[in-house]
Protein backbone atom coordinates (compact mmCIF):
# COMPACT_ATOMS: atom_id res chain seq x y z
CA MET A 1 41.74 160.40 144.72
CA ILE A 2 38.62 162.03 146.15
CA ILE A 3 37.48 161.01 149.65
CA ASN A 4 34.17 162.45 150.86
CA GLY A 5 34.52 165.25 148.33
CA ILE A 6 38.09 166.20 149.27
CA GLN A 7 41.20 165.64 147.14
CA THR A 8 43.53 163.43 149.22
CA SER A 9 45.61 160.28 149.07
CA THR A 10 45.03 159.24 152.69
CA LEU A 11 42.34 156.94 154.09
CA ASP A 12 41.98 156.75 157.86
CA ALA A 13 43.41 153.44 159.09
CA ASN A 14 40.39 153.02 161.38
CA ASP A 15 38.01 152.77 158.42
CA ARG A 16 36.12 149.48 158.51
CA ALA A 17 36.98 148.86 154.86
CA ILE A 18 40.57 148.20 155.92
CA HIS A 19 39.71 145.98 158.89
CA TYR A 20 36.75 143.98 157.55
CA GLY A 21 36.21 144.84 153.89
CA ASP A 22 33.02 146.49 155.16
CA GLY A 23 31.75 148.18 152.02
CA HIS A 24 31.13 147.84 148.31
CA PHE A 25 32.20 149.37 145.01
CA THR A 26 31.48 149.84 141.35
CA THR A 27 33.82 150.42 138.41
CA LEU A 28 32.67 152.34 135.35
CA LEU A 29 33.85 153.35 131.92
CA VAL A 30 34.61 156.99 131.19
CA LYS A 31 34.34 157.77 127.50
CA ASN A 32 34.54 161.23 125.94
CA GLY A 33 34.34 162.77 129.39
CA GLN A 34 31.10 160.97 130.26
CA PRO A 35 30.55 158.34 133.00
CA ARG A 36 28.91 155.56 130.96
CA LEU A 37 25.80 153.91 132.44
CA TRP A 38 26.04 156.05 135.56
CA ASP A 39 22.32 155.60 136.30
CA TYR A 40 22.86 151.83 136.48
CA HIS A 41 25.95 152.24 138.66
CA LEU A 42 24.14 154.60 141.02
CA MET A 43 21.26 152.15 141.40
CA ARG A 44 23.79 149.41 142.16
CA LEU A 45 25.47 151.52 144.86
CA GLN A 46 22.17 152.50 146.46
CA ALA A 47 20.89 148.92 146.47
CA ALA A 48 24.13 147.63 148.00
CA ASN A 49 23.95 150.30 150.70
CA GLN A 50 20.47 149.14 151.63
CA ARG A 51 21.33 145.44 151.64
CA LEU A 52 24.42 146.01 153.82
CA PHE A 53 22.58 148.45 156.13
CA ILE A 54 25.10 151.22 155.50
CA ASN A 55 23.82 154.65 156.50
CA PRO A 56 22.64 157.00 153.72
CA LEU A 57 25.06 159.40 152.08
CA ASP A 58 24.76 162.47 149.88
CA TRP A 59 24.12 160.81 146.51
CA ALA A 60 23.84 164.18 144.74
CA ALA A 61 27.32 165.19 145.93
CA LEU A 62 28.72 161.83 144.84
CA THR A 63 27.11 162.15 141.41
CA GLN A 64 28.47 165.68 140.99
CA GLN A 65 32.00 164.52 141.81
CA VAL A 66 31.75 161.53 139.46
CA SER A 67 30.69 163.84 136.62
CA GLN A 68 33.45 166.32 137.42
CA GLN A 69 36.20 163.66 137.52
CA ALA A 70 34.89 161.98 134.36
CA SER A 71 34.91 165.29 132.47
CA LEU A 72 38.71 165.41 132.78
CA HIS A 73 39.29 162.22 130.78
CA SER A 74 38.56 161.03 127.24
CA LEU A 75 39.00 157.33 128.09
CA ALA A 76 39.51 156.01 131.60
CA VAL A 77 38.30 153.77 134.41
CA LEU A 78 36.52 155.42 137.33
CA LYS A 79 36.03 153.51 140.57
CA VAL A 80 33.61 154.41 143.34
CA ILE A 81 34.05 152.78 146.75
CA ILE A 82 31.59 153.16 149.62
CA THR A 83 32.57 151.99 153.10
CA ARG A 84 30.61 151.90 156.32
CA GLY A 85 33.13 154.35 157.74
CA MET A 86 34.59 154.14 161.22
CA GLY A 87 33.26 153.01 164.58
CA GLY A 88 31.76 150.00 166.26
CA ARG A 89 33.38 147.29 168.32
CA GLY A 90 35.03 144.44 166.48
CA TYR A 91 32.76 143.07 163.78
CA ALA A 92 29.74 144.92 165.22
CA PRO A 93 29.30 148.27 163.42
CA GLY A 94 28.22 151.44 165.16
CA SER A 95 24.71 152.54 164.28
CA ASP A 96 25.83 156.14 163.80
CA ALA A 97 28.78 155.46 161.47
CA ASN A 98 29.19 158.01 158.70
CA PRO A 99 29.90 156.33 155.34
CA THR A 100 33.11 157.04 153.47
CA TRP A 101 32.97 157.44 149.70
CA ILE A 102 36.04 157.30 147.51
CA ILE A 103 36.52 158.13 143.81
CA SER A 104 39.65 157.13 141.94
CA VAL A 105 40.56 157.23 138.23
CA HIS A 106 42.73 154.65 136.44
CA ASP A 107 44.04 153.81 132.98
CA PHE A 108 41.74 151.92 130.63
CA PRO A 109 42.97 148.33 129.97
CA GLY A 110 44.74 148.44 126.63
CA HIS A 111 43.87 144.87 125.58
CA TYR A 112 40.09 145.27 125.75
CA PRO A 113 39.62 146.72 122.23
CA GLN A 114 41.39 143.68 120.74
CA TRP A 115 39.26 141.34 122.83
CA GLN A 116 36.12 143.10 121.61
CA GLN A 117 37.10 142.71 117.95
CA THR A 118 38.55 139.18 117.81
CA GLY A 119 37.11 137.44 120.85
CA ILE A 120 38.88 135.49 123.58
CA THR A 121 39.74 131.92 124.51
CA MET A 122 38.62 130.48 127.83
CA GLY A 123 38.97 127.46 130.05
CA VAL A 124 37.29 126.47 133.32
CA SER A 125 38.90 127.44 136.63
CA THR A 126 39.54 124.70 139.18
CA LEU A 127 38.61 127.18 141.93
CA SER A 128 34.97 127.44 143.00
CA LEU A 129 32.79 130.18 144.46
CA GLY A 130 31.16 129.57 147.83
CA HIS A 131 27.45 130.10 148.47
CA GLN A 132 26.21 133.09 150.47
CA PRO A 133 22.73 134.17 149.32
CA LEU A 134 22.78 137.24 151.59
CA LEU A 135 25.68 138.65 149.59
CA ALA A 136 24.90 137.14 146.20
CA GLY A 137 24.99 139.74 143.44
CA LEU A 138 26.81 142.35 145.51
CA LYS A 139 30.19 143.75 144.52
CA SER A 140 31.46 143.93 148.08
CA LEU A 141 35.01 144.80 149.11
CA ASN A 142 35.54 141.12 150.01
CA ARG A 143 37.05 139.81 146.76
CA LEU A 144 39.63 137.23 147.86
CA GLU A 145 37.99 134.50 145.77
CA GLN A 146 38.41 136.66 142.67
CA VAL A 147 42.03 137.48 143.55
CA LEU A 148 42.89 133.77 143.69
CA ILE A 149 40.92 133.04 140.51
CA LYS A 150 42.65 135.87 138.63
CA GLN A 151 46.05 134.62 139.80
CA GLN A 152 45.22 131.18 138.42
CA ALA A 153 43.88 132.63 135.16
CA MET A 154 47.12 134.54 134.59
CA ALA A 155 49.06 131.27 134.74
CA MET A 156 46.79 129.51 132.22
CA PRO A 157 47.14 129.45 128.39
CA TRP A 158 43.74 131.11 127.89
CA ASP A 159 42.71 134.75 127.95
CA ASP A 160 40.32 134.21 130.88
CA VAL A 161 38.51 131.50 132.84
CA LEU A 162 34.94 130.51 133.56
CA VAL A 163 34.11 130.06 137.22
CA CYS A 164 31.63 127.64 138.80
CA ASP A 165 30.17 127.46 142.28
CA VAL A 166 30.78 124.66 144.79
CA ASP A 167 28.03 122.62 143.10
CA GLY A 168 29.83 122.82 139.75
CA MET A 169 27.32 125.26 138.23
CA LEU A 170 28.38 128.12 135.95
CA VAL A 171 28.45 131.54 137.60
CA GLU A 172 30.66 134.01 135.69
CA SER A 173 34.19 134.60 134.43
CA SER A 174 37.04 135.91 136.59
CA ALA A 175 35.68 139.46 136.31
CA ALA A 176 32.63 139.47 134.02
CA ASN A 177 29.18 138.00 133.56
CA LEU A 178 28.39 135.24 131.08
CA PHE A 179 25.76 134.81 128.35
CA TRP A 180 25.32 132.12 125.71
CA CYS A 181 22.94 131.39 122.85
CA ARG A 182 21.69 127.85 122.20
CA ASP A 183 19.06 126.96 119.59
CA GLY A 184 18.31 130.67 119.17
CA GLN A 185 17.62 131.17 122.89
CA TRP A 186 19.82 133.26 125.20
CA TYR A 187 20.85 132.12 128.69
CA THR A 188 22.81 133.52 131.62
CA PRO A 189 23.70 131.94 135.00
CA ASP A 190 21.35 132.30 137.94
CA LEU A 191 23.09 134.40 140.62
CA ALA A 192 20.87 133.46 143.56
CA PHE A 193 23.71 131.86 145.55
CA CYS A 194 26.86 133.72 144.48
CA GLY A 195 28.39 135.85 141.74
CA ILE A 196 28.22 139.54 140.90
CA GLU A 197 25.18 141.17 139.33
CA GLY A 198 27.07 143.33 136.89
CA VAL A 199 25.93 146.66 135.51
CA MET A 200 26.48 145.53 131.91
CA ARG A 201 24.62 142.29 132.65
CA ASN A 202 21.62 144.37 133.71
CA ARG A 203 21.99 146.57 130.64
CA VAL A 204 21.99 143.48 128.39
CA LEU A 205 18.93 142.05 130.14
CA SER A 206 17.11 145.38 129.70
CA TYR A 207 18.01 145.47 126.01
CA PHE A 208 16.78 141.93 125.43
CA TYR A 209 13.54 142.78 127.26
CA ASP A 210 13.05 145.87 125.07
CA ILE A 211 13.36 143.82 121.86
CA ASN A 212 11.20 140.98 123.23
CA GLN A 213 14.11 138.55 123.30
CA LYS A 214 13.64 136.10 126.15
CA VAL A 215 16.64 135.38 128.38
CA THR A 216 16.54 132.44 130.78
CA GLN A 217 18.54 132.52 134.00
CA VAL A 218 19.66 128.98 134.72
CA ARG A 219 21.82 126.79 136.93
CA ALA A 220 23.86 124.78 134.44
CA ARG A 221 27.18 122.95 134.22
CA PRO A 222 29.95 124.04 131.82
CA ASP A 223 29.24 121.20 129.38
CA ILE A 224 26.02 122.96 128.36
CA LEU A 225 28.25 125.35 126.41
CA HIS A 226 29.37 122.54 124.08
CA ASP A 227 26.16 123.01 122.08
CA ALA A 228 26.07 126.82 122.18
CA GLU A 229 26.18 128.84 118.98
CA ALA A 230 27.55 132.02 120.56
CA VAL A 231 29.03 133.01 123.92
CA PHE A 232 30.08 136.33 125.40
CA VAL A 233 31.28 137.82 128.65
CA CYS A 234 30.52 141.36 129.73
CA ASN A 235 31.22 144.03 132.27
CA SER A 236 31.00 147.81 132.26
CA LEU A 237 34.63 148.26 131.15
CA MET A 238 35.08 145.59 128.47
CA GLU A 239 31.39 145.94 127.58
CA LEU A 240 30.63 142.88 125.37
CA VAL A 241 33.49 140.53 124.50
CA PRO A 242 32.86 137.51 122.24
CA VAL A 243 34.20 134.12 123.27
CA ARG A 244 35.67 132.34 120.27
CA GLU A 245 36.79 129.15 122.03
CA ILE A 246 36.27 127.26 125.31
CA ASP A 247 38.38 124.16 125.92
CA GLY A 248 38.77 123.53 122.19
CA VAL A 249 35.11 124.20 121.25
CA SER A 250 34.74 127.10 118.79
CA TYR A 251 31.92 129.65 118.62
CA ASP A 252 30.60 132.13 116.07
CA ILE A 253 31.39 135.67 117.21
CA THR A 254 29.17 137.36 114.60
CA PRO A 255 26.00 137.51 116.77
CA VAL A 256 28.01 139.11 119.58
CA LEU A 257 29.50 141.72 117.26
CA ALA A 258 25.95 142.65 116.24
CA LEU A 259 24.99 143.03 119.91
CA GLN A 260 28.04 145.22 120.46
CA GLU A 261 26.85 147.53 117.71
CA ALA A 262 23.39 147.76 119.24
CA LEU A 263 24.47 148.21 122.87
CA CYS A 264 27.88 149.84 122.91
CA ALA A 265 28.14 152.16 119.91
CA GLY A 266 29.08 155.74 120.60
């Protein structure tokens, strides 16, 4: 583990990440020694820093360390955490806090290639995401909702679950963003109130824009998927994964496999 550019396994117990989850993170795919979509991840980290009013850090040093750690692995998961650092009184942060940045490397999930090829089955979680527009889209260190959702998903007969907000509107899966095609038109949930604005979600939106394929961001209930022709979930690790069935309704995975080829080859 690298903390502020130094190889160590120790994080100061006074860091606000431990006490309040005061920070954010991103998780990226390392393939053939390269940090995939690093430009997108860096933009995410910088935007989150600004929205959370975390003091600036040396982005060039962080980028150099990410590249160096990635170069040591042919296939891996690389995680970057940024915390506000130490200081302040209670919840109130100190204005002069120096951010802490952490890089760690982990094994790539072995089941993702199979998911990518054959698709997954899904159901709908009974747990809901709360609304907080100030944090909507951010991948903050406060992820207790996702921990509970993932625990529930592991006990279910499906590969993963769809998650709605407290109004019953689709948001995402347990750890990925959601897209579906209906009558030749692509849709994805509106994340104005909650959910994570994933790096791969932004990559997909950019690709659709480049090929003049309109994507509509909507607030919709799960039953809208009954009439969908194709569905997929995505994040920067699994990239694009077709959904072959949701609550007994089957979908064609062929359009998603074609998107995989266009977006994720190499």
